Amino acid sequence: MRYGKAIPRPASAPPNCRRCPKRGPENDSRYRLTEKNRRAWEAYQKYEGNWPDGWAEDELWVRNCQLIREAHRFFEANQHADEEHRFTDALVQIKQALK
């Protein structure tokens, strides 16, 4: 920032890892969805409460929906919280939702 305005980062300059919630490229895998998780998220978005016949009896589908719902609720409630602790807090919340 200079004079209250953002200064564009040159393409050759690395990103400022201190401002990113990942805190560096070594933590990248913690913040990326696996292919299976991405498919579950896309199915959740597509169907939400209008599941096809038989899906409500599928334990894996119900569990995935509980996790996604809990993660989304947590994100909404903590959007402005301290970024450094948000990821750890989210994991704790999701683990509690699984019990």
PDB file of N, CA and C in Angstrom:
ATOM      1  N   MET A   1       0.845  -1.172   0.000  1.00  0.00           N
ATOM      2  CA  MET A   1       0.000   0.000   0.000  1.00  0.00           C
ATOM      3  C   MET A   1       0.895   1.240   0.000  1.00  0.00           C
ATOM      4  N   ARG A   2       0.492   2.193  -0.779  1.00  0.00           N
ATOM      5  CA  ARG A   2       1.174   3.467  -0.786  1.00  0.00           C
ATOM      6  C   ARG A   2       0.105   4.546  -0.919  1.00  0.00           C
ATOM      7  N   TYR A   3       0.099   5.442   0.032  1.00  0.00           N
ATOM      8  CA  TYR A   3      -0.899   6.514   0.059  1.00  0.00           C
ATOM      9  C   TYR A   3      -2.324   5.959   0.073  1.00  0.00           C
ATOM     10  N   GLY A   4      -2.508   4.821   0.754  1.00  0.00           N
ATOM     11  CA  GLY A   4      -3.825   4.211   0.872  1.00  0.00           C
ATOM     12  C   GLY A   4      -4.275   3.412  -0.330  1.00  0.00           C
ATOM     13  N   LYS A   5      -3.408   3.280  -1.332  1.00  0.00           N
ATOM     14  CA  LYS A   5      -3.760   2.518  -2.532  1.00  0.00           C
ATOM     15  C   LYS A   5      -2.842   1.310  -2.663  1.00  0.00           C
ATOM     16  N   ALA A   6      -3.431   0.211  -3.142  1.00  0.00           N
ATOM     17  CA  ALA A   6      -2.648  -1.008  -3.342  1.00  0.00           C
ATOM     18  C   ALA A   6      -1.684  -0.819  -4.503  1.00  0.00           C
ATOM     19  N   ILE A   7      -0.478  -1.316  -4.310  1.00  0.00           N
ATOM     20  CA  ILE A   7       0.533  -1.260  -5.365  1.00  0.00           C
ATOM     21  C   ILE A   7       0.541  -2.621  -6.051  1.00  0.00           C
ATOM     22  N   PRO A   8       0.376  -2.670  -7.364  1.00  0.00           N
ATOM     23  CA  PRO A   8       0.374  -3.963  -8.046  1.00  0.00           C
ATOM     24  C   PRO A   8       1.719  -4.681  -7.866  1.00  0.00           C
ATOM     25  N   ARG A   9       1.653  -5.980  -7.647  1.00  0.00           N
ATOM     26  CA  ARG A   9       2.856  -6.781  -7.485  1.00  0.00           C
ATOM     27  C   ARG A   9       3.363  -7.171  -8.863  1.00  0.00           C
ATOM     28  N   PRO A  10       4.655  -6.924  -9.144  1.00  0.00           N
ATOM     29  CA  PRO A  10       5.202  -7.345 -10.438  1.00  0.00           C
ATOM     30  C   PRO A  10       5.123  -8.865 -10.576  1.00  0.00           C
ATOM     31  N   ALA A  11       5.006  -9.355 -11.785  1.00  0.00           N
ATOM     32  CA  ALA A  11       4.887 -10.791 -12.029  1.00  0.00           C
ATOM     33  C   ALA A  11       6.105 -11.553 -11.510  1.00  0.00           C
ATOM     34  N   SER A  12       7.251 -10.920 -11.475  1.00  0.00           N
ATOM     35  CA  SER A  12       8.474 -11.591 -11.022  1.00  0.00           C
ATOM     36  C   SER A  12       8.598 -11.646  -9.496  1.00  0.00           C
ATOM     37  N   ALA A  13       7.775 -10.877  -8.773  1.00  0.00           N
ATOM     38  CA  ALA A  13       7.868 -10.821  -7.308  1.00  0.00           C
ATOM     39  C   ALA A  13       7.001 -11.903  -6.678  1.00  0.00           C
ATOM     40  N   PRO A  14       7.535 -12.611  -5.679  1.00  0.00           N
ATOM     41  CA  PRO A  14       6.716 -13.629  -5.000  1.00  0.00           C
ATOM     42  C   PRO A  14       5.637 -12.965  -4.154  1.00  0.00           C
ATOM     43  N   PRO A  15       4.545 -13.690  -3.852  1.00  0.00           N
ATOM     44  CA  PRO A  15       3.488 -13.120  -3.027  1.00  0.00           C
ATOM     45  C   PRO A  15       3.958 -12.915  -1.588  1.00  0.00           C
ATOM     46  N   ASN A  16       3.264 -12.048  -0.882  1.00  0.00           N
ATOM     47  CA  ASN A  16       3.565 -11.785   0.518  1.00  0.00           C
ATOM     48  C   ASN A  16       2.917 -12.877   1.366  1.00  0.00           C
ATOM     49  N   CYS A  17       3.685 -13.863   1.757  1.00  0.00           N
ATOM     50  CA  CYS A  17       3.136 -15.023   2.467  1.00  0.00           C
ATOM     51  C   CYS A  17       2.645 -14.676   3.872  1.00  0.00           C
ATOM     52  N   ARG A  18       3.115 -13.592   4.443  1.00  0.00           N
ATOM     53  CA  ARG A  18       2.657 -13.219   5.781  1.00  0.00           C
ATOM     54  C   ARG A  18       1.188 -12.807   5.773  1.00  0.00           C
ATOM     55  N   ARG A  19       0.689 -12.325   4.662  1.00  0.00           N
ATOM     56  CA  ARG A  19      -0.704 -11.871   4.590  1.00  0.00           C
ATOM     57  C   ARG A  19      -1.651 -12.986   4.179  1.00  0.00           C
ATOM     58  N   CYS A  20      -1.127 -14.076   3.671  1.00  0.00           N
ATOM     59  CA  CYS A  20      -1.942 -15.196   3.210  1.00  0.00           C
ATOM     60  C   CYS A  20      -2.246 -16.125   4.379  1.00  0.00           C
ATOM     61  N   PRO A  21      -3.489 -16.648   4.473  1.00  0.00           N
ATOM     62  CA  PRO A  21      -3.811 -17.572   5.575  1.00  0.00           C
ATOM     63  C   PRO A  21      -2.975 -18.851   5.547  1.00  0.00           C
ATOM     64  N   LYS A  22      -2.447 -19.227   4.380  1.00  0.00           N
ATOM     65  CA  LYS A  22      -1.629 -20.435   4.288  1.00  0.00           C
ATOM     66  C   LYS A  22      -0.264 -20.240   4.942  1.00  0.00           C
ATOM     67  N   ARG A  23       0.178 -19.004   5.047  1.00  0.00           N
ATOM     68  CA  ARG A  23       1.480 -18.670   5.636  1.00  0.00           C
ATOM     69  C   ARG A  23       2.667 -19.234   4.865  1.00  0.00           C
ATOM     70  N   GLY A  24       2.473 -19.615   3.630  1.00  0.00           N
ATOM     71  CA  GLY A  24       3.584 -20.084   2.805  1.00  0.00           C
ATOM     72  C   GLY A  24       3.192 -21.269   1.944  1.00  0.00           C
ATOM     73  N   PRO A  25       3.954 -21.497   0.866  1.00  0.00           N
ATOM     74  CA  PRO A  25       3.616 -22.575  -0.074  1.00  0.00           C
ATOM     75  C   PRO A  25       3.698 -23.975   0.536  1.00  0.00           C
ATOM     76  N   GLU A  26       4.459 -24.141   1.620  1.00  0.00           N
ATOM     77  CA  GLU A  26       4.574 -25.470   2.240  1.00  0.00           C
ATOM     78  C   GLU A  26       3.257 -25.937   2.854  1.00  0.00           C
ATOM     79  N   ASN A  27       2.331 -25.031   3.108  1.00  0.00           N
ATOM     80  CA  ASN A  27       1.032 -25.374   3.692  1.00  0.00           C
ATOM     81  C   ASN A  27      -0.077 -25.470   2.653  1.00  0.00           C
ATOM     82  N   ASP A  28       0.272 -25.403   1.395  1.00  0.00           N
ATOM     83  CA  ASP A  28      -0.718 -25.351   0.323  1.00  0.00           C
ATOM     84  C   ASP A  28      -1.674 -26.547   0.344  1.00  0.00           C
ATOM     85  N   SER A  29      -1.153 -27.738   0.597  1.00  0.00           N
ATOM     86  CA  SER A  29      -2.000 -28.938   0.545  1.00  0.00           C
ATOM     87  C   SER A  29      -3.074 -28.924   1.632  1.00  0.00           C
ATOM     88  N   ARG A  30      -2.852 -28.216   2.746  1.00  0.00           N
ATOM     89  CA  ARG A  30      -3.853 -28.136   3.807  1.00  0.00           C
ATOM     90  C   ARG A  30      -5.075 -27.329   3.374  1.00  0.00           C
ATOM     91  N   TYR A  31      -4.923 -26.499   2.358  1.00  0.00           N
ATOM     92  CA  TYR A  31      -5.991 -25.587   1.944  1.00  0.00           C
ATOM     93  C   TYR A  31      -6.588 -25.947   0.592  1.00  0.00           C
ATOM     94  N   ARG A  32      -6.209 -27.062   0.041  1.00  0.00           N
ATOM     95  CA  ARG A  32      -6.761 -27.482  -1.248  1.00  0.00           C
ATOM     96  C   ARG A  32      -7.661 -28.696  -1.053  1.00  0.00           C
ATOM     97  N   LEU A  33      -8.748 -28.731  -1.805  1.00  0.00           N
ATOM     98  CA  LEU A  33      -9.642 -29.880  -1.763  1.00  0.00           C
ATOM     99  C   LEU A  33      -9.067 -31.006  -2.611  1.00  0.00           C
ATOM    100  N   THR A  34      -9.201 -32.235  -2.119  1.00  0.00           N
ATOM    101  CA  THR A  34      -8.850 -33.383  -2.940  1.00  0.00           C
ATOM    102  C   THR A  34      -9.909 -33.510  -4.026  1.00  0.00           C
ATOM    103  N   GLU A  35      -9.642 -34.354  -5.009  1.00  0.00           N
ATOM    104  CA  GLU A  35     -10.609 -34.532  -6.093  1.00  0.00           C
ATOM    105  C   GLU A  35     -11.930 -35.081  -5.551  1.00  0.00           C
ATOM    106  N   LYS A  36     -11.868 -36.025  -4.611  1.00  0.00           N
ATOM    107  CA  LYS A  36     -13.086 -36.573  -4.015  1.00  0.00           C
ATOM    108  C   LYS A  36     -13.856 -35.493  -3.260  1.00  0.00           C
ATOM    109  N   ASN A  37     -13.135 -34.671  -2.498  1.00  0.00           N
ATOM    110  CA  ASN A  37     -13.793 -33.606  -1.745  1.00  0.00           C
ATOM    111  C   ASN A  37     -14.400 -32.562  -2.672  1.00  0.00           C
ATOM    112  N   ARG A  38     -13.715 -32.292  -3.769  1.00  0.00           N
ATOM    113  CA  ARG A  38     -14.257 -31.326  -4.739  1.00  0.00           C
ATOM    114  C   ARG A  38     -15.565 -31.847  -5.340  1.00  0.00           C
ATOM    115  N   ARG A  39     -15.596 -33.143  -5.668  1.00  0.00           N
ATOM    116  CA  ARG A  39     -16.824 -33.729  -6.224  1.00  0.00           C
ATOM    117  C   ARG A  39     -17.953 -33.696  -5.197  1.00  0.00           C
ATOM    118  N   ALA A  40     -17.627 -33.968  -3.931  1.00  0.00           N
ATOM    119  CA  ALA A  40     -18.653 -33.909  -2.875  1.00  0.00           C
ATOM    120  C   ALA A  40     -19.189 -32.488  -2.742  1.00  0.00           C
ATOM    121  N   TRP A  41     -18.302 -31.489  -2.789  1.00  0.00           N
ATOM    122  CA  TRP A  41     -18.715 -30.088  -2.689  1.00  0.00           C
ATOM    123  C   TRP A  41     -19.605 -29.703  -3.867  1.00  0.00           C
ATOM    124  N   GLU A  42     -19.227 -30.117  -5.061  1.00  0.00           N
ATOM    125  CA  GLU A  42     -20.022 -29.788  -6.246  1.00  0.00           C
ATOM    126  C   GLU A  42     -21.402 -30.453  -6.193  1.00  0.00           C
ATOM    127  N   ALA A  43     -21.459 -31.710  -5.721  1.00  0.00           N
ATOM    128  CA  ALA A  43     -22.751 -32.394  -5.592  1.00  0.00           C
ATOM    129  C   ALA A  43     -23.608 -31.705  -4.538  1.00  0.00           C
ATOM    130  N   TYR A  44     -22.986 -31.300  -3.437  1.00  0.00           N
ATOM    131  CA  TYR A  44     -23.713 -30.598  -2.376  1.00  0.00           C
ATOM    132  C   TYR A  44     -24.311 -29.301  -2.913  1.00  0.00           C
ATOM    133  N   GLN A  45     -23.514 -28.545  -3.656  1.00  0.00           N
ATOM    134  CA  GLN A  45     -24.009 -27.288  -4.235  1.00  0.00           C
ATOM    135  C   GLN A  45     -25.136 -27.547  -5.231  1.00  0.00           C
ATOM    136  N   LYS A  46     -25.010 -28.597  -6.008  1.00  0.00           N
ATOM    137  CA  LYS A  46     -26.003 -28.888  -7.041  1.00  0.00           C
ATOM    138  C   LYS A  46     -27.340 -29.321  -6.437  1.00  0.00           C
ATOM    139  N   TYR A  47     -27.286 -30.204  -5.433  1.00  0.00           N
ATOM    140  CA  TYR A  47     -28.512 -30.786  -4.913  1.00  0.00           C
ATOM    141  C   TYR A  47     -29.008 -30.160  -3.623  1.00  0.00           C
ATOM    142  N   GLU A  48     -28.085 -29.685  -2.773  1.00  0.00           N
ATOM    143  CA  GLU A  48     -28.414 -29.141  -1.449  1.00  0.00           C
ATOM    144  C   GLU A  48     -29.502 -29.982  -0.789  1.00  0.00           C
ATOM    145  N   GLY A  49     -30.715 -29.486  -0.627  1.00  0.00           N
ATOM    146  CA  GLY A  49     -31.774 -30.232   0.056  1.00  0.00           C
ATOM    147  C   GLY A  49     -32.608 -31.103  -0.861  1.00  0.00           C
ATOM    148  N   ASN A  50     -32.432 -31.004  -2.150  1.00  0.00           N
ATOM    149  CA  ASN A  50     -33.238 -31.764  -3.115  1.00  0.00           C
ATOM    150  C   ASN A  50     -32.456 -32.960  -3.633  1.00  0.00           C
ATOM    151  N   TRP A  51     -32.175 -33.901  -2.747  1.00  0.00           N
ATOM    152  CA  TRP A  51     -31.359 -35.049  -3.113  1.00  0.00           C
ATOM    153  C   TRP A  51     -32.128 -36.029  -3.967  1.00  0.00           C
ATOM    154  N   PRO A  52     -31.437 -36.676  -4.895  1.00  0.00           N
ATOM    155  CA  PRO A  52     -32.091 -37.736  -5.687  1.00  0.00           C
ATOM    156  C   PRO A  52     -32.533 -38.887  -4.788  1.00  0.00           C
ATOM    157  N   ASP A  53     -33.443 -39.709  -5.292  1.00  0.00           N
ATOM    158  CA  ASP A  53     -33.965 -40.851  -4.522  1.00  0.00           C
ATOM    159  C   ASP A  53     -32.836 -41.734  -4.023  1.00  0.00           C
ATOM    160  N   GLY A  54     -32.929 -42.110  -2.761  1.00  0.00           N
ATOM    161  CA  GLY A  54     -31.968 -43.029  -2.176  1.00  0.00           C
ATOM    162  C   GLY A  54     -30.754 -42.376  -1.551  1.00  0.00           C
ATOM    163  N   TRP A  55     -30.488 -41.132  -1.879  1.00  0.00           N
ATOM    164  CA  TRP A  55     -29.278 -40.482  -1.356  1.00  0.00           C
ATOM    165  C   TRP A  55     -29.386 -40.226   0.141  1.00  0.00           C
ATOM    166  N   ALA A  56     -30.574 -39.988   0.655  1.00  0.00           N
ATOM    167  CA  ALA A  56     -30.741 -39.714   2.081  1.00  0.00           C
ATOM    168  C   ALA A  56     -30.389 -40.935   2.930  1.00  0.00           C
ATOM    169  N   GLU A  57     -30.426 -42.132   2.341  1.00  0.00           N
ATOM    170  CA  GLU A  57     -30.079 -43.348   3.072  1.00  0.00           C
ATOM    171  C   GLU A  57     -28.594 -43.680   2.954  1.00  0.00           C
ATOM    172  N   ASP A  58     -27.879 -43.006   2.082  1.00  0.00           N
ATOM    173  CA  ASP A  58     -26.454 -43.265   1.876  1.00  0.00           C
ATOM    174  C   ASP A  58     -25.655 -42.606   2.994  1.00  0.00           C
ATOM    175  N   GLU A  59     -25.041 -43.409   3.858  1.00  0.00           N
ATOM    176  CA  GLU A  59     -24.332 -42.886   5.025  1.00  0.00           C
ATOM    177  C   GLU A  59     -23.189 -41.956   4.639  1.00  0.00           C
ATOM    178  N   LEU A  60     -22.456 -42.295   3.586  1.00  0.00           N
ATOM    179  CA  LEU A  60     -21.328 -41.460   3.163  1.00  0.00           C
ATOM    180  C   LEU A  60     -21.813 -40.087   2.691  1.00  0.00           C
ATOM    181  N   TRP A  61     -22.906 -40.086   1.922  1.00  0.00           N
ATOM    182  CA  TRP A  61     -23.450 -38.818   1.433  1.00  0.00           C
ATOM    183  C   TRP A  61     -23.924 -37.954   2.596  1.00  0.00           C
ATOM    184  N   VAL A  62     -24.629 -38.551   3.542  1.00  0.00           N
ATOM    185  CA  VAL A  62     -25.139 -37.802   4.692  1.00  0.00           C
ATOM    186  C   VAL A  62     -23.974 -37.245   5.511  1.00  0.00           C
ATOM    187  N   ARG A  63     -22.938 -38.056   5.724  1.00  0.00           N
ATOM    188  CA  ARG A  63     -21.762 -37.599   6.477  1.00  0.00           C
ATOM    189  C   ARG A  63     -21.074 -36.438   5.754  1.00  0.00           C
ATOM    190  N   ASN A  64     -20.904 -36.570   4.444  1.00  0.00           N
ATOM    191  CA  ASN A  64     -20.279 -35.491   3.675  1.00  0.00           C
ATOM    192  C   ASN A  64     -21.087 -34.203   3.792  1.00  0.00           C
ATOM    193  N   CYS A  65     -22.392 -34.311   3.711  1.00  0.00           N
ATOM    194  CA  CYS A  65     -23.247 -33.123   3.812  1.00  0.00           C
ATOM    195  C   CYS A  65     -23.134 -32.481   5.184  1.00  0.00           C
ATOM    196  N   GLN A  66     -23.050 -33.300   6.238  1.00  0.00           N
ATOM    197  CA  GLN A  66     -22.875 -32.749   7.578  1.00  0.00           C
ATOM    198  C   GLN A  66     -21.570 -31.979   7.677  1.00  0.00           C
ATOM    199  N   LEU A  67     -20.504 -32.548   7.137  1.00  0.00           N
ATOM    200  CA  LEU A  67     -19.199 -31.879   7.173  1.00  0.00           C
ATOM    201  C   LEU A  67     -19.217 -30.572   6.390  1.00  0.00           C
ATOM    202  N   ILE A  68     -19.788 -30.624   5.204  1.00  0.00           N
ATOM    203  CA  ILE A  68     -19.830 -29.427   4.364  1.00  0.00           C
ATOM    204  C   ILE A  68     -20.674 -28.346   5.021  1.00  0.00           C
ATOM    205  N   ARG A  69     -21.835 -28.732   5.558  1.00  0.00           N
ATOM    206  CA  ARG A  69     -22.695 -27.767   6.236  1.00  0.00           C
ATOM    207  C   ARG A  69     -21.973 -27.128   7.418  1.00  0.00           C
ATOM    208  N   GLU A  70     -21.290 -27.947   8.215  1.00  0.00           N
ATOM    209  CA  GLU A  70     -20.569 -27.441   9.387  1.00  0.00           C
ATOM    210  C   GLU A  70     -19.427 -26.517   8.968  1.00  0.00           C
ATOM    211  N   ALA A  71     -18.688 -26.900   7.942  1.00  0.00           N
ATOM    212  CA  ALA A  71     -17.590 -26.059   7.459  1.00  0.00           C
ATOM    213  C   ALA A  71     -18.121 -24.725   6.930  1.00  0.00           C
ATOM    214  N   HIS A  72     -19.235 -24.773   6.211  1.00  0.00           N
ATOM    215  CA  HIS A  72     -19.817 -23.550   5.662  1.00  0.00           C
ATOM    216  C   HIS A  72     -20.326 -22.641   6.778  1.00  0.00           C
ATOM    217  N   ARG A  73     -20.988 -23.229   7.786  1.00  0.00           N
ATOM    218  CA  ARG A  73     -21.439 -22.443   8.940  1.00  0.00           C
ATOM    219  C   ARG A  73     -20.275 -21.797   9.658  1.00  0.00           C
ATOM    220  N   PHE A  74     -19.223 -22.577   9.850  1.00  0.00           N
ATOM    221  CA  PHE A  74     -18.048 -22.048  10.533  1.00  0.00           C
ATOM    222  C   PHE A  74     -17.434 -20.895   9.732  1.00  0.00           C
ATOM    223  N   PHE A  75     -17.334 -21.067   8.421  1.00  0.00           N
ATOM    224  CA  PHE A  75     -16.775 -20.018   7.574  1.00  0.00           C
ATOM    225  C   PHE A  75     -17.585 -18.738   7.687  1.00  0.00           C
ATOM    226  N   GLU A  76     -18.899 -18.867   7.606  1.00  0.00           N
ATOM    227  CA  GLU A  76     -19.769 -17.693   7.701  1.00  0.00           C
ATOM    228  C   GLU A  76     -19.620 -16.992   9.050  1.00  0.00           C
ATOM    229  N   ALA A  77     -19.544 -17.771  10.119  1.00  0.00           N
ATOM    230  CA  ALA A  77     -19.471 -17.195  11.462  1.00  0.00           C
ATOM    231  C   ALA A  77     -18.116 -16.586  11.772  1.00  0.00           C
ATOM    232  N   ASN A  78     -17.057 -17.073  11.113  1.00  0.00           N
ATOM    233  CA  ASN A  78     -15.702 -16.645  11.459  1.00  0.00           C
ATOM    234  C   ASN A  78     -14.976 -15.969  10.306  1.00  0.00           C
ATOM    235  N   GLN A  79     -15.709 -15.428   9.385  1.00  0.00           N
ATOM    236  CA  GLN A  79     -15.104 -14.823   8.205  1.00  0.00           C
ATOM    237  C   GLN A  79     -14.130 -13.703   8.570  1.00  0.00           C
ATOM    238  N   HIS A  80     -14.413 -12.992   9.638  1.00  0.00           N
ATOM    239  CA  HIS A  80     -13.563 -11.854   9.995  1.00  0.00           C
ATOM    240  C   HIS A  80     -12.669 -12.155  11.192  1.00  0.00           C
ATOM    241  N   ALA A  81     -12.576 -13.418  11.584  1.00  0.00           N
ATOM    242  CA  ALA A  81     -11.743 -13.797  12.728  1.00  0.00           C
ATOM    243  C   ALA A  81     -10.269 -13.765  12.342  1.00  0.00           C
ATOM    244  N   ASP A  82      -9.430 -13.925  13.326  1.00  0.00           N
ATOM    245  CA  ASP A  82      -7.989 -13.962  13.124  1.00  0.00           C
ATOM    246  C   ASP A  82      -7.637 -15.093  12.165  1.00  0.00           C
ATOM    247  N   GLU A  83      -7.050 -14.769  11.026  1.00  0.00           N
ATOM    248  CA  GLU A  83      -6.762 -15.754   9.998  1.00  0.00           C
ATOM    249  C   GLU A  83      -5.788 -16.824  10.471  1.00  0.00           C
ATOM    250  N   GLU A  84      -4.901 -16.465  11.361  1.00  0.00           N
ATOM    251  CA  GLU A  84      -3.869 -17.402  11.799  1.00  0.00           C
ATOM    252  C   GLU A  84      -4.468 -18.615  12.507  1.00  0.00           C
ATOM    253  N   HIS A  85      -5.553 -18.419  13.254  1.00  0.00           N
ATOM    254  CA  HIS A  85      -6.139 -19.505  14.031  1.00  0.00           C
ATOM    255  C   HIS A  85      -7.401 -20.087  13.399  1.00  0.00           C
ATOM    256  N   ARG A  86      -7.884 -19.494  12.333  1.00  0.00           N
ATOM    257  CA  ARG A  86      -9.151 -19.917  11.738  1.00  0.00           C
ATOM    258  C   ARG A  86      -9.112 -21.365  11.255  1.00  0.00           C
ATOM    259  N   PHE A  87      -8.031 -21.773  10.614  1.00  0.00           N
ATOM    260  CA  PHE A  87      -7.947 -23.125  10.070  1.00  0.00           C
ATOM    261  C   PHE A  87      -7.986 -24.165  11.183  1.00  0.00           C
ATOM    262  N   THR A  88      -7.213 -23.949  12.238  1.00  0.00           N
ATOM    263  CA  THR A  88      -7.191 -24.887  13.362  1.00  0.00           C
ATOM    264  C   THR A  88      -8.553 -24.950  14.032  1.00  0.00           C
ATOM    265  N   ASP A  89      -9.179 -23.819  14.239  1.00  0.00           N
ATOM    266  CA  ASP A  89     -10.513 -23.787  14.850  1.00  0.00           C
ATOM    267  C   ASP A  89     -11.526 -24.533  13.982  1.00  0.00           C
ATOM    268  N   ALA A  90     -11.411 -24.383  12.665  1.00  0.00           N
ATOM    269  CA  ALA A  90     -12.330 -25.070  11.751  1.00  0.00           C
ATOM    270  C   ALA A  90     -12.167 -26.581  11.865  1.00  0.00           C
ATOM    271  N   LEU A  91     -10.936 -27.066  11.951  1.00  0.00           N
ATOM    272  CA  LEU A  91     -10.716 -28.504  12.092  1.00  0.00           C
ATOM    273  C   LEU A  91     -11.341 -29.040  13.372  1.00  0.00           C
ATOM    274  N   VAL A  92     -11.203 -28.298  14.448  1.00  0.00           N
ATOM    275  CA  VAL A  92     -11.788 -28.722  15.729  1.00  0.00           C
ATOM    276  C   VAL A  92     -13.301 -28.801  15.596  1.00  0.00           C
ATOM    277  N   GLN A  93     -13.921 -27.775  14.998  1.00  0.00           N
ATOM    278  CA  GLN A  93     -15.378 -27.756  14.823  1.00  0.00           C
ATOM    279  C   GLN A  93     -15.859 -28.922  13.980  1.00  0.00           C
ATOM    280  N   ILE A  94     -15.137 -29.226  12.902  1.00  0.00           N
ATOM    281  CA  ILE A  94     -15.545 -30.304  12.007  1.00  0.00           C
ATOM    282  C   ILE A  94     -15.406 -31.654  12.711  1.00  0.00           C
ATOM    283  N   LYS A  95     -14.330 -31.836  13.448  1.00  0.00           N
ATOM    284  CA  LYS A  95     -14.158 -33.093  14.195  1.00  0.00           C
ATOM    285  C   LYS A  95     -15.276 -33.284  15.207  1.00  0.00           C
ATOM    286  N   GLN A  96     -15.705 -32.224  15.841  1.00  0.00           N
ATOM    287  CA  GLN A  96     -16.817 -32.312  16.796  1.00  0.00           C
ATOM    288  C   GLN A  96     -18.114 -32.665  16.085  1.00  0.00           C
ATOM    289  N   ALA A  97     -18.284 -32.158  14.875  1.00  0.00           N
ATOM    290  CA  ALA A  97     -19.502 -32.443  14.119  1.00  0.00           C
ATOM    291  C   ALA A  97     -19.557 -33.915  13.706  1.00  0.00           C
ATOM    292  N   LEU A  98     -18.403 -34.553  13.569  1.00  0.00           N
ATOM    293  CA  LEU A  98     -18.357 -35.949  13.167  1.00  0.00           C
ATOM    294  C   LEU A  98     -18.729 -36.908  14.298  1.00  0.00           C
ATOM    295  N   LYS A  99     -18.645 -36.442  15.550  1.00  0.00           N
ATOM    296  CA  LYS A  99     -18.922 -37.328  16.692  1.00  0.00           C
ATOM    297  C   LYS A  99     -20.377 -37.661  16.794  1.00  0.00           C
TER     298      LYS A  99
END
